[in-house]
Amino acid sequence: MQTSNRIRLLGWICVVCSVLVAITGFLLDSQAIGAVEADTAIARFANGLFGVAVLGLMGGVFGLWSLRVGGSGWLPTIATLVTLIGLLLWMIGGLYLTTNASADQAFTPAGGLLSSIGMVVFGLAVLRAGHLNDWRRFVPFLVRVWFFVQLPLQIILFIGVRGFPSYTMLLGVFGVLWALVGYVVQSYASEQTGA
């Protein structure tokens, strides 16, 4: 019972932090409108908020792994570790950008790619394991497929420094998908307690 409550807490942390991710997108868009440079106080704050929020998204990953929805073999364990390392790099990138929001750094793109690969593999393990029998089985896979879908959107929407502000859309969808991860963790943990 105590473990189930902790796992549900991880799901809640993931949901709350996914909302912070969406707020980050709004903040980045709001500062970009009429901004002369990318390194503003709002952009630095938003990047720091993103870094902290990504730390909380790890709760969803830990929750999914703890519930063994991907099975108990080596594949979900390795995929979880790769995802967590990627999210850690993403967090470091966000926190690094608090010093200079327009700085070039490799943490954020490397972390995004690494966490996406890990979560896609974990999502495939979830599908293979069959512990989730409804729409929730697709969530771990979809949450990181979005990374690969949004890459072309970024190229289209961010051509040039004065590209159309779209962080709200990109991080909004990202936040909704991670909120679903948190929901999957909470609901499945509750089912396991009731079973």
N, C-alpha and C. Protein backbone atom coordinates (compact mmCIF):
# COMPACT_ATOMS: atom_id res chain seq x y z
N MET A 1 0.82 -1.20 0.00
CA MET A 1 0.00 0.00 0.00
C MET A 1 0.86 1.25 0.00
N GLN A 2 1.90 1.27 0.83
CA GLN A 2 2.78 2.42 0.91
C GLN A 2 3.50 2.64 -0.41
N THR A 3 3.96 1.56 -1.04
CA THR A 3 4.64 1.66 -2.33
C THR A 3 3.70 2.20 -3.39
N SER A 4 2.47 1.74 -3.39
CA SER A 4 1.49 2.21 -4.35
C SER A 4 1.25 3.71 -4.20
N ASN A 5 1.19 4.19 -2.97
CA ASN A 5 1.01 5.63 -2.74
C ASN A 5 2.20 6.42 -3.25
N ARG A 6 3.40 5.88 -3.09
CA ARG A 6 4.61 6.56 -3.60
C ARG A 6 4.60 6.60 -5.12
N ILE A 7 4.18 5.52 -5.72
CA ILE A 7 4.13 5.48 -7.18
C ILE A 7 3.09 6.46 -7.70
N ARG A 8 1.93 6.52 -7.04
CA ARG A 8 0.92 7.49 -7.45
C ARG A 8 1.44 8.91 -7.29
N LEU A 9 2.22 9.16 -6.23
CA LEU A 9 2.83 10.48 -6.05
C LEU A 9 3.75 10.81 -7.22
N LEU A 10 4.52 9.84 -7.70
CA LEU A 10 5.36 10.06 -8.87
C LEU A 10 4.52 10.47 -10.08
N GLY A 11 3.36 9.85 -10.22
CA GLY A 11 2.44 10.23 -11.30
C GLY A 11 1.96 11.66 -11.16
N TRP A 12 1.61 12.07 -9.94
CA TRP A 12 1.17 13.44 -9.70
C TRP A 12 2.28 14.45 -9.97
N ILE A 13 3.49 14.11 -9.56
CA ILE A 13 4.63 14.99 -9.82
C ILE A 13 4.80 15.17 -11.32
N CYS A 14 4.67 14.10 -12.07
CA CYS A 14 4.78 14.16 -13.52
C CYS A 14 3.69 15.06 -14.11
N VAL A 15 2.46 14.94 -13.63
CA VAL A 15 1.35 15.77 -14.13
C VAL A 15 1.62 17.24 -13.85
N VAL A 16 1.99 17.56 -12.61
CA VAL A 16 2.25 18.97 -12.24
C VAL A 16 3.38 19.54 -13.08
N CYS A 17 4.44 18.78 -13.25
CA CYS A 17 5.59 19.27 -14.01
C CYS A 17 5.29 19.38 -15.50
N SER A 18 4.38 18.56 -15.99
CA SER A 18 3.98 18.69 -17.39
C SER A 18 3.24 20.00 -17.62
N VAL A 19 2.49 20.46 -16.62
CA VAL A 19 1.84 21.78 -16.71
C VAL A 19 2.90 22.87 -16.72
N LEU A 20 3.95 22.70 -15.92
CA LEU A 20 5.04 23.68 -15.91
C LEU A 20 5.74 23.74 -17.27
N VAL A 21 5.85 22.61 -17.93
CA VAL A 21 6.44 22.59 -19.28
C VAL A 21 5.60 23.43 -20.23
N ALA A 22 4.28 23.26 -20.17
CA ALA A 22 3.39 24.05 -21.03
C ALA A 22 3.48 25.54 -20.70
N ILE A 23 3.57 25.88 -19.43
CA ILE A 23 3.73 27.28 -19.03
C ILE A 23 5.03 27.84 -19.57
N THR A 24 6.07 27.03 -19.58
CA THR A 24 7.36 27.45 -20.15
C THR A 24 7.19 27.86 -21.60
N GLY A 25 6.45 27.08 -22.37
CA GLY A 25 6.20 27.42 -23.78
C GLY A 25 5.54 28.77 -23.91
N PHE A 26 4.53 29.03 -23.09
CA PHE A 26 3.86 30.33 -23.12
C PHE A 26 4.82 31.46 -22.77
N LEU A 27 5.63 31.26 -21.74
CA LEU A 27 6.60 32.29 -21.35
C LEU A 27 7.61 32.58 -22.46
N LEU A 28 8.10 31.54 -23.10
CA LEU A 28 9.07 31.74 -24.18
C LEU A 28 8.44 32.47 -25.36
N ASP A 29 7.19 32.15 -25.68
CA ASP A 29 6.51 32.87 -26.76
C ASP A 29 6.23 34.31 -26.38
N SER A 30 5.80 34.55 -25.15
CA SER A 30 5.46 35.92 -24.74
C SER A 30 6.68 36.83 -24.74
N GLN A 31 7.84 36.31 -24.38
CA GLN A 31 9.03 37.14 -24.39
C GLN A 31 9.56 37.35 -25.80
N ALA A 32 9.25 36.42 -26.72
CA ALA A 32 9.76 36.52 -28.09
C ALA A 32 9.06 37.60 -28.90
N ILE A 33 7.83 37.91 -28.55
CA ILE A 33 7.08 38.91 -29.29
C ILE A 33 7.68 40.28 -29.01
N GLY A 34 8.24 40.86 -30.02
CA GLY A 34 8.83 42.19 -29.90
C GLY A 34 10.20 42.23 -29.26
N ALA A 35 10.77 41.08 -28.94
CA ALA A 35 12.09 41.06 -28.31
C ALA A 35 13.17 41.31 -29.35
N VAL A 36 14.16 42.08 -28.97
CA VAL A 36 15.28 42.37 -29.86
C VAL A 36 16.32 41.26 -29.79
N GLU A 37 16.45 40.68 -28.62
CA GLU A 37 17.42 39.60 -28.43
C GLU A 37 16.76 38.43 -27.72
N ALA A 38 17.36 37.27 -27.85
CA ALA A 38 16.77 36.07 -27.26
C ALA A 38 17.09 35.93 -25.77
N ASP A 39 18.10 36.64 -25.29
CA ASP A 39 18.53 36.50 -23.90
C ASP A 39 17.86 37.55 -23.02
N THR A 40 16.61 37.28 -22.66
CA THR A 40 15.89 38.17 -21.75
C THR A 40 15.73 37.48 -20.41
N ALA A 41 15.36 38.26 -19.41
CA ALA A 41 15.14 37.69 -18.08
C ALA A 41 14.02 36.66 -18.11
N ILE A 42 12.98 36.91 -18.90
CA ILE A 42 11.87 35.96 -18.99
C ILE A 42 12.35 34.66 -19.63
N ALA A 43 13.16 34.77 -20.68
CA ALA A 43 13.67 33.56 -21.35
C ALA A 43 14.56 32.76 -20.40
N ARG A 44 15.39 33.44 -19.62
CA ARG A 44 16.25 32.72 -18.68
C ARG A 44 15.41 32.04 -17.60
N PHE A 45 14.39 32.75 -17.10
CA PHE A 45 13.49 32.16 -16.10
C PHE A 45 12.75 30.95 -16.69
N ALA A 46 12.24 31.10 -17.92
CA ALA A 46 11.49 30.02 -18.56
C ALA A 46 12.38 28.79 -18.75
N ASN A 47 13.62 29.00 -19.14
CA ASN A 47 14.54 27.87 -19.31
C ASN A 47 14.83 27.18 -17.98
N GLY A 48 14.97 27.96 -16.93
CA GLY A 48 15.16 27.37 -15.60
C GLY A 48 13.94 26.59 -15.15
N LEU A 49 12.75 27.15 -15.41
CA LEU A 49 11.51 26.46 -15.08
C LEU A 49 11.41 25.15 -15.86
N PHE A 50 11.80 25.19 -17.12
CA PHE A 50 11.80 23.98 -17.94
C PHE A 50 12.73 22.93 -17.36
N GLY A 51 13.93 23.35 -16.94
CA GLY A 51 14.89 22.42 -16.35
C GLY A 51 14.33 21.73 -15.11
N VAL A 52 13.69 22.51 -14.26
CA VAL A 52 13.08 21.96 -13.04
C VAL A 52 11.91 21.04 -13.40
N ALA A 53 11.11 21.45 -14.38
CA ALA A 53 9.95 20.64 -14.79
C ALA A 53 10.39 19.30 -15.35
N VAL A 54 11.48 19.29 -16.13
CA VAL A 54 11.97 18.03 -16.70
C VAL A 54 12.40 17.08 -15.59
N LEU A 55 12.96 17.63 -14.53
CA LEU A 55 13.32 16.80 -13.38
C LEU A 55 12.07 16.09 -12.85
N GLY A 56 10.96 16.79 -12.79
CA GLY A 56 9.71 16.18 -12.33
C GLY A 56 9.14 15.16 -13.29
N LEU A 57 9.41 15.32 -14.60
CA LEU A 57 8.92 14.34 -15.57
C LEU A 57 9.56 12.97 -15.34
N MET A 58 10.72 13.00 -14.71
CA MET A 58 11.38 11.73 -14.38
C MET A 58 10.51 10.89 -13.46
N GLY A 59 9.64 11.53 -12.70
CA GLY A 59 8.71 10.79 -11.84
C GLY A 59 7.83 9.86 -12.64
N GLY A 60 7.39 10.31 -13.83
CA GLY A 60 6.58 9.45 -14.68
C GLY A 60 7.36 8.25 -15.17
N VAL A 61 8.63 8.48 -15.52
CA VAL A 61 9.48 7.39 -16.00
C VAL A 61 9.72 6.38 -14.87
N PHE A 62 10.08 6.88 -13.69
CA PHE A 62 10.28 5.99 -12.54
C PHE A 62 8.99 5.23 -12.21
N GLY A 63 7.86 5.92 -12.29
CA GLY A 63 6.58 5.28 -12.00
C GLY A 63 6.27 4.15 -12.96
N LEU A 64 6.45 4.40 -14.26
CA LEU A 64 6.20 3.36 -15.25
C LEU A 64 7.11 2.15 -15.03
N TRP A 65 8.37 2.43 -14.77
CA TRP A 65 9.32 1.34 -14.54
C TRP A 65 8.96 0.57 -13.26
N SER A 66 8.61 1.30 -12.19
CA SER A 66 8.26 0.65 -10.92
C SER A 66 7.04 -0.24 -11.05
N LEU A 67 6.11 0.15 -11.89
CA LEU A 67 4.90 -0.64 -12.10
C LEU A 67 5.12 -1.82 -13.03
N ARG A 68 6.30 -1.89 -13.64
CA ARG A 68 6.67 -2.98 -14.55
C ARG A 68 5.72 -3.12 -15.73
N VAL A 69 5.18 -1.99 -16.20
CA VAL A 69 4.26 -2.05 -17.34
C VAL A 69 4.98 -2.44 -18.63
N GLY A 70 6.30 -2.31 -18.65
CA GLY A 70 7.08 -2.73 -19.81
C GLY A 70 7.65 -4.12 -19.66
N GLY A 71 7.26 -4.80 -18.61
CA GLY A 71 7.82 -6.11 -18.32
C GLY A 71 8.98 -5.98 -17.35
N SER A 72 9.63 -7.08 -17.08
CA SER A 72 10.71 -7.04 -16.08
C SER A 72 12.06 -7.45 -16.65
N GLY A 73 12.19 -7.50 -17.94
CA GLY A 73 13.45 -7.90 -18.56
C GLY A 73 14.46 -6.77 -18.65
N TRP A 74 15.51 -7.03 -19.39
CA TRP A 74 16.58 -6.05 -19.55
C TRP A 74 16.16 -4.89 -20.44
N LEU A 75 15.28 -5.11 -21.43
CA LEU A 75 14.90 -4.06 -22.37
C LEU A 75 14.24 -2.86 -21.69
N PRO A 76 13.21 -3.05 -20.86
CA PRO A 76 12.62 -1.88 -20.21
C PRO A 76 13.58 -1.22 -19.23
N THR A 77 14.45 -1.98 -18.61
CA THR A 77 15.41 -1.39 -17.67
C THR A 77 16.41 -0.51 -18.40
N ILE A 78 16.97 -1.00 -19.49
CA ILE A 78 17.92 -0.21 -20.28
C ILE A 78 17.22 1.01 -20.87
N ALA A 79 16.00 0.82 -21.39
CA ALA A 79 15.25 1.94 -21.96
C ALA A 79 14.96 3.00 -20.91
N THR A 80 14.65 2.57 -19.69
CA THR A 80 14.41 3.52 -18.60
C THR A 80 15.67 4.30 -18.29
N LEU A 81 16.80 3.62 -18.20
CA LEU A 81 18.06 4.31 -17.91
C LEU A 81 18.42 5.30 -19.00
N VAL A 82 18.25 4.91 -20.26
CA VAL A 82 18.54 5.82 -21.37
C VAL A 82 17.62 7.04 -21.31
N THR A 83 16.34 6.80 -21.03
CA THR A 83 15.39 7.91 -20.92
C THR A 83 15.78 8.85 -19.79
N LEU A 84 16.13 8.30 -18.64
CA LEU A 84 16.49 9.14 -17.49
C LEU A 84 17.77 9.93 -17.76
N ILE A 85 18.75 9.32 -18.40
CA ILE A 85 19.98 10.05 -18.75
C ILE A 85 19.64 11.19 -19.71
N GLY A 86 18.79 10.91 -20.69
CA GLY A 86 18.37 11.95 -21.62
C GLY A 86 17.64 13.09 -20.93
N LEU A 87 16.72 12.76 -20.02
CA LEU A 87 16.00 13.81 -19.29
C LEU A 87 16.95 14.59 -18.39
N LEU A 88 17.93 13.92 -17.82
CA LEU A 88 18.93 14.61 -17.00
C LEU A 88 19.72 15.61 -17.84
N LEU A 89 20.13 15.20 -19.04
CA LEU A 89 20.84 16.12 -19.94
C LEU A 89 19.95 17.30 -20.32
N TRP A 90 18.67 17.01 -20.57
CA TRP A 90 17.72 18.07 -20.91
C TRP A 90 17.57 19.05 -19.76
N MET A 91 17.52 18.52 -18.55
CA MET A 91 17.42 19.38 -17.37
C MET A 91 18.66 20.26 -17.25
N ILE A 92 19.84 19.67 -17.43
CA ILE A 92 21.08 20.43 -17.35
C ILE A 92 21.09 21.53 -18.41
N GLY A 93 20.63 21.21 -19.61
CA GLY A 93 20.56 22.21 -20.68
C GLY A 93 19.66 23.37 -20.31
N GLY A 94 18.49 23.06 -19.76
CA GLY A 94 17.57 24.13 -19.35
C GLY A 94 18.17 25.00 -18.27
N LEU A 95 18.80 24.38 -17.30
CA LEU A 95 19.41 25.15 -16.22
C LEU A 95 20.62 25.95 -16.71
N TYR A 96 21.37 25.40 -17.66
CA TYR A 96 22.50 26.13 -18.25
C TYR A 96 22.01 27.39 -18.97
N LEU A 97 20.87 27.28 -19.64
CA LEU A 97 20.33 28.43 -20.37
C LEU A 97 19.80 29.52 -19.45
N THR A 98 19.75 29.28 -18.16
CA THR A 98 19.37 30.36 -17.24
C THR A 98 20.49 31.40 -17.15
N THR A 99 21.70 31.02 -17.49
CA THR A 99 22.81 31.98 -17.47
C THR A 99 22.84 32.84 -18.72
N ASN A 100 22.45 32.26 -19.85
CA ASN A 100 22.40 32.98 -21.11
C ASN A 100 21.45 32.22 -22.02
N ALA A 101 20.25 32.74 -22.18
CA ALA A 101 19.20 32.02 -22.90
C ALA A 101 19.51 31.83 -24.38
N SER A 102 20.45 32.59 -24.92
CA SER A 102 20.78 32.44 -26.34
C SER A 102 22.09 31.68 -26.55
N ALA A 103 22.61 31.07 -25.50
CA ALA A 103 23.89 30.35 -25.59
C ALA A 103 23.72 29.08 -26.40
N ASP A 104 24.78 28.73 -27.12
CA ASP A 104 24.81 27.44 -27.80
C ASP A 104 25.25 26.38 -26.80
N GLN A 105 24.52 25.29 -26.77
CA GLN A 105 24.87 24.18 -25.89
C GLN A 105 24.29 22.91 -26.47
N ALA A 106 24.89 21.79 -26.13
CA ALA A 106 24.49 20.51 -26.71
C ALA A 106 23.64 19.67 -25.77
N PHE A 107 23.49 20.10 -24.52
CA PHE A 107 22.76 19.30 -23.55
C PHE A 107 21.30 19.09 -23.95
N THR A 108 20.63 20.16 -24.34
CA THR A 108 19.20 20.08 -24.64
C THR A 108 18.92 19.19 -25.85
N PRO A 109 19.56 19.42 -27.00
CA PRO A 109 19.26 18.52 -28.13
C PRO A 109 19.69 17.07 -27.88
N ALA A 110 20.84 16.88 -27.26
CA ALA A 110 21.29 15.51 -26.97
C ALA A 110 20.34 14.83 -25.99
N GLY A 111 19.92 15.57 -24.97
CA GLY A 111 18.98 15.02 -24.00
C GLY A 111 17.64 14.69 -24.61
N GLY A 112 17.15 15.56 -25.50
CA GLY A 112 15.88 15.30 -26.17
C GLY A 112 15.94 14.05 -27.03
N LEU A 113 17.03 13.92 -27.77
CA LEU A 113 17.19 12.75 -28.64
C LEU A 113 17.34 11.47 -27.82
N LEU A 114 18.19 11.51 -26.80
CA LEU A 114 18.44 10.33 -25.98
C LEU A 114 17.18 9.88 -25.23
N SER A 115 16.47 10.85 -24.62
CA SER A 115 15.25 10.48 -23.90
C SER A 115 14.18 9.97 -24.85
N SER A 116 14.16 10.50 -26.08
CA SER A 116 13.18 10.03 -27.06
C SER A 116 13.45 8.59 -27.47
N ILE A 117 14.71 8.30 -27.74
CA ILE A 117 15.06 6.93 -28.12
C ILE A 117 14.72 5.97 -26.98
N GLY A 118 15.09 6.34 -25.76
CA GLY A 118 14.81 5.48 -24.61
C GLY A 118 13.32 5.25 -24.40
N MET A 119 12.53 6.33 -24.52
CA MET A 119 11.10 6.21 -24.26
C MET A 119 10.38 5.48 -25.40
N VAL A 120 10.85 5.64 -26.63
CA VAL A 120 10.24 4.89 -27.73
C VAL A 120 10.49 3.40 -27.52
N VAL A 121 11.71 3.04 -27.14
CA VAL A 121 12.02 1.63 -26.88
C VAL A 121 11.19 1.13 -25.68
N PHE A 122 11.08 1.96 -24.63
CA PHE A 122 10.26 1.57 -23.49
C PHE A 122 8.80 1.39 -23.93
N GLY A 123 8.32 2.30 -24.78
CA GLY A 123 6.95 2.19 -25.29
C GLY A 123 6.73 0.90 -26.05
N LEU A 124 7.72 0.50 -26.82
CA LEU A 124 7.62 -0.78 -27.54
C LEU A 124 7.60 -1.95 -26.56
N ALA A 125 8.38 -1.84 -25.47
CA ALA A 125 8.36 -2.89 -24.44
C ALA A 125 7.00 -2.96 -23.77
N VAL A 126 6.36 -1.81 -23.55
CA VAL A 126 5.02 -1.78 -22.96
C VAL A 126 4.03 -2.48 -23.88
N LEU A 127 4.11 -2.17 -25.17
CA LEU A 127 3.21 -2.82 -26.13
C LEU A 127 3.43 -4.33 -26.15
N ARG A 128 4.68 -4.74 -26.09
CA ARG A 128 5.01 -6.17 -26.12
C ARG A 128 4.57 -6.89 -24.85
N ALA A 129 4.74 -6.23 -23.70
CA ALA A 129 4.42 -6.86 -22.41
C ALA A 129 2.92 -7.07 -22.23
N GLY A 130 2.10 -6.14 -22.73
CA GLY A 130 0.66 -6.30 -22.68
C GLY A 130 0.01 -6.10 -21.31
N HIS A 131 0.72 -5.45 -20.37
CA HIS A 131 0.12 -5.21 -19.05
C HIS A 131 -0.97 -4.14 -19.10
N LEU A 132 -0.83 -3.21 -20.00
CA LEU A 132 -1.86 -2.18 -20.20
C LEU A 132 -2.68 -2.59 -21.42
N ASN A 133 -3.97 -2.75 -21.22
CA ASN A 133 -4.80 -3.31 -22.30
C ASN A 133 -5.68 -2.29 -23.00
N ASP A 134 -5.62 -1.04 -22.62
CA ASP A 134 -6.47 -0.04 -23.26
C ASP A 134 -5.59 1.04 -23.90
N TRP A 135 -6.14 2.21 -24.13
CA TRP A 135 -5.42 3.30 -24.79
C TRP A 135 -4.13 3.68 -24.06
N ARG A 136 -4.05 3.38 -22.76
CA ARG A 136 -2.87 3.77 -21.98
C ARG A 136 -1.60 3.07 -22.46
N ARG A 137 -1.73 1.94 -23.13
CA ARG A 137 -0.54 1.23 -23.59
C ARG A 137 0.23 2.01 -24.65
N PHE A 138 -0.43 2.95 -25.33
CA PHE A 138 0.23 3.73 -26.38
C PHE A 138 0.92 4.99 -25.85
N VAL A 139 0.59 5.42 -24.65
CA VAL A 139 1.09 6.70 -24.13
C VAL A 139 2.61 6.75 -24.02
N PRO A 140 3.29 5.76 -23.43
CA PRO A 140 4.76 5.87 -23.35
C PRO A 140 5.43 5.97 -24.72
N PHE A 141 4.86 5.32 -25.70
CA PHE A 141 5.40 5.39 -27.06
C PHE A 141 5.13 6.76 -27.68
N LEU A 142 3.90 7.24 -27.57
CA LEU A 142 3.52 8.51 -28.20
C LEU A 142 4.21 9.72 -27.59
N VAL A 143 4.49 9.66 -26.28
CA VAL A 143 5.05 10.83 -25.62
C VAL A 143 6.40 11.21 -26.23
N ARG A 144 7.15 10.25 -26.70
CA ARG A 144 8.44 10.59 -27.28
C ARG A 144 8.45 10.55 -28.80
N VAL A 145 7.48 9.93 -29.42
CA VAL A 145 7.36 10.05 -30.87
C VAL A 145 7.11 11.52 -31.22
N TRP A 146 6.45 12.25 -30.31
CA TRP A 146 6.21 13.67 -30.53
C TRP A 146 7.52 14.42 -30.79
N PHE A 147 8.60 14.02 -30.16
CA PHE A 147 9.89 14.67 -30.38
C PHE A 147 10.25 14.63 -31.86
N PHE A 148 10.05 13.48 -32.50
CA PHE A 148 10.41 13.33 -33.90
C PHE A 148 9.40 14.02 -34.82
N VAL A 149 8.15 14.15 -34.38
CA VAL A 149 7.13 14.86 -35.16
C VAL A 149 7.38 16.36 -35.10
N GLN A 150 7.75 16.86 -33.92
CA GLN A 150 7.89 18.31 -33.78
C GLN A 150 9.16 18.87 -34.41
N LEU A 151 10.15 18.02 -34.71
CA LEU A 151 11.37 18.51 -35.35
C LEU A 151 11.09 19.21 -36.68
N PRO A 152 10.34 18.59 -37.60
CA PRO A 152 10.02 19.31 -38.84
C PRO A 152 9.18 20.57 -38.59
N LEU A 153 8.31 20.51 -37.59
CA LEU A 153 7.51 21.70 -37.26
C LEU A 153 8.41 22.85 -36.82
N GLN A 154 9.44 22.55 -36.04
CA GLN A 154 10.37 23.59 -35.62
C GLN A 154 11.08 24.20 -36.82
N ILE A 155 11.48 23.37 -37.76
CA ILE A 155 12.16 23.88 -38.95
C ILE A 155 11.23 24.80 -39.73
N ILE A 156 9.98 24.40 -39.86
CA ILE A 156 9.01 25.21 -40.60
C ILE A 156 8.71 26.51 -39.85
N LEU A 157 8.50 26.41 -38.54
CA LEU A 157 8.03 27.58 -37.78
C LEU A 157 9.14 28.49 -37.28
N PHE A 158 10.36 27.99 -37.19
CA PHE A 158 11.44 28.80 -36.63
C PHE A 158 12.48 29.20 -37.66
N ILE A 159 12.09 29.33 -38.92
CA ILE A 159 13.05 29.76 -39.93
C ILE A 159 13.43 31.19 -39.63
N GLY A 160 14.72 31.40 -39.37
CA GLY A 160 15.20 32.73 -39.04
C GLY A 160 14.96 33.06 -37.58
N VAL A 161 15.60 34.10 -37.12
CA VAL A 161 15.46 34.54 -35.73
C VAL A 161 14.06 35.02 -35.46
N ARG A 162 13.40 35.57 -36.44
CA ARG A 162 12.05 36.13 -36.26
C ARG A 162 10.97 35.13 -36.64
N GLY A 163 11.22 33.85 -36.46
CA GLY A 163 10.23 32.83 -36.76
C GLY A 163 8.97 33.02 -35.92
N PHE A 164 7.90 32.46 -36.39
CA PHE A 164 6.62 32.57 -35.69
C PHE A 164 6.73 31.90 -34.32
N PRO A 165 6.33 32.61 -33.27
CA PRO A 165 6.38 32.00 -31.93
C PRO A 165 5.46 30.78 -31.86
N SER A 166 6.02 29.66 -31.48
CA SER A 166 5.21 28.44 -31.43
C SER A 166 5.60 27.54 -30.26
N TYR A 167 6.37 28.04 -29.32
CA TYR A 167 6.73 27.23 -28.17
C TYR A 167 5.47 26.78 -27.41
N THR A 168 4.46 27.64 -27.39
CA THR A 168 3.23 27.27 -26.68
C THR A 168 2.64 25.99 -27.28
N MET A 169 2.61 25.92 -28.61
CA MET A 169 2.06 24.72 -29.25
C MET A 169 2.99 23.52 -29.03
N LEU A 170 4.28 23.69 -29.30
CA LEU A 170 5.21 22.57 -29.21
C LEU A 170 5.31 22.02 -27.79
N LEU A 171 5.51 22.91 -26.82
CA LEU A 171 5.63 22.47 -25.44
C LEU A 171 4.27 22.18 -24.81
N GLY A 172 3.22 22.76 -25.38
CA GLY A 172 1.88 22.44 -24.90
C GLY A 172 1.51 21.00 -25.18
N VAL A 173 1.74 20.56 -26.42
CA VAL A 173 1.47 19.16 -26.77
C VAL A 173 2.38 18.24 -25.95
N PHE A 174 3.65 18.62 -25.84
CA PHE A 174 4.61 17.86 -25.05
C PHE A 174 4.12 17.71 -23.61
N GLY A 175 3.63 18.82 -23.03
CA GLY A 175 3.12 18.80 -21.66
C GLY A 175 1.89 17.91 -21.51
N VAL A 176 0.98 17.98 -22.48
CA VAL A 176 -0.22 17.14 -22.42
C VAL A 176 0.16 15.65 -22.47
N LEU A 177 1.10 15.30 -23.33
CA LEU A 177 1.52 13.91 -23.43
C LEU A 177 2.16 13.41 -22.14
N TRP A 178 2.99 14.26 -21.52
CA TRP A 178 3.60 13.87 -20.24
C TRP A 178 2.57 13.83 -19.12
N ALA A 179 1.54 14.69 -19.20
CA ALA A 179 0.46 14.61 -18.21
C ALA A 179 -0.25 13.26 -18.33
N LEU A 180 -0.40 12.77 -19.56
CA LEU A 180 -0.99 11.45 -19.76
C LEU A 180 -0.11 10.35 -19.16
N VAL A 181 1.22 10.51 -19.25
CA VAL A 181 2.12 9.54 -18.61
C VAL A 181 1.84 9.52 -17.11
N GLY A 182 1.75 10.71 -16.51
CA GLY A 182 1.44 10.79 -15.08
C GLY A 182 0.11 10.14 -14.75
N TYR A 183 -0.88 10.35 -15.61
CA TYR A 183 -2.19 9.74 -15.39
C TYR A 183 -2.10 8.22 -15.48
N VAL A 184 -1.35 7.72 -16.46
CA VAL A 184 -1.19 6.27 -16.60
C VAL A 184 -0.57 5.69 -15.33
N VAL A 185 0.45 6.35 -14.81
CA VAL A 185 1.10 5.88 -13.58
C VAL A 185 0.10 5.86 -12.43
N GLN A 186 -0.64 6.95 -12.25
CA GLN A 186 -1.61 7.03 -11.16
C GLN A 186 -2.70 5.98 -11.29
N SER A 187 -3.29 5.89 -12.48
CA SER A 187 -4.43 4.98 -12.65
C SER A 187 -4.01 3.52 -12.53
N TYR A 188 -2.87 3.16 -13.13
CA TYR A 188 -2.44 1.77 -13.07
C TYR A 188 -2.02 1.38 -11.66
N ALA A 189 -1.38 2.31 -10.93
CA ALA A 189 -1.01 2.05 -9.54
C ALA A 189 -2.27 1.84 -8.70
N SER A 190 -3.30 2.63 -8.96
CA SER A 190 -4.57 2.46 -8.22
C SER A 190 -5.21 1.11 -8.52
N GLU A 191 -5.16 0.70 -9.78
CA GLU A 191 -5.71 -0.59 -10.16
C GLU A 191 -4.97 -1.74 -9.47
N GLN A 192 -3.65 -1.61 -9.38
CA GLN A 192 -2.85 -2.65 -8.74
C GLN A 192 -3.14 -2.76 -7.27
N THR A 193 -3.46 -1.61 -6.64
CA THR A 193 -3.80 -1.61 -5.23
C THR A 193 -5.16 -2.28 -5.01
N GLY A 194 -6.09 -2.00 -5.93
CA GLY A 194 -7.44 -2.57 -5.81
C GLY A 194 -7.51 -4.03 -6.20
N ALA A 195 -6.52 -4.49 -6.94
CA ALA A 195 -6.56 -5.89 -7.42
C ALA A 195 -6.21 -6.89 -6.35
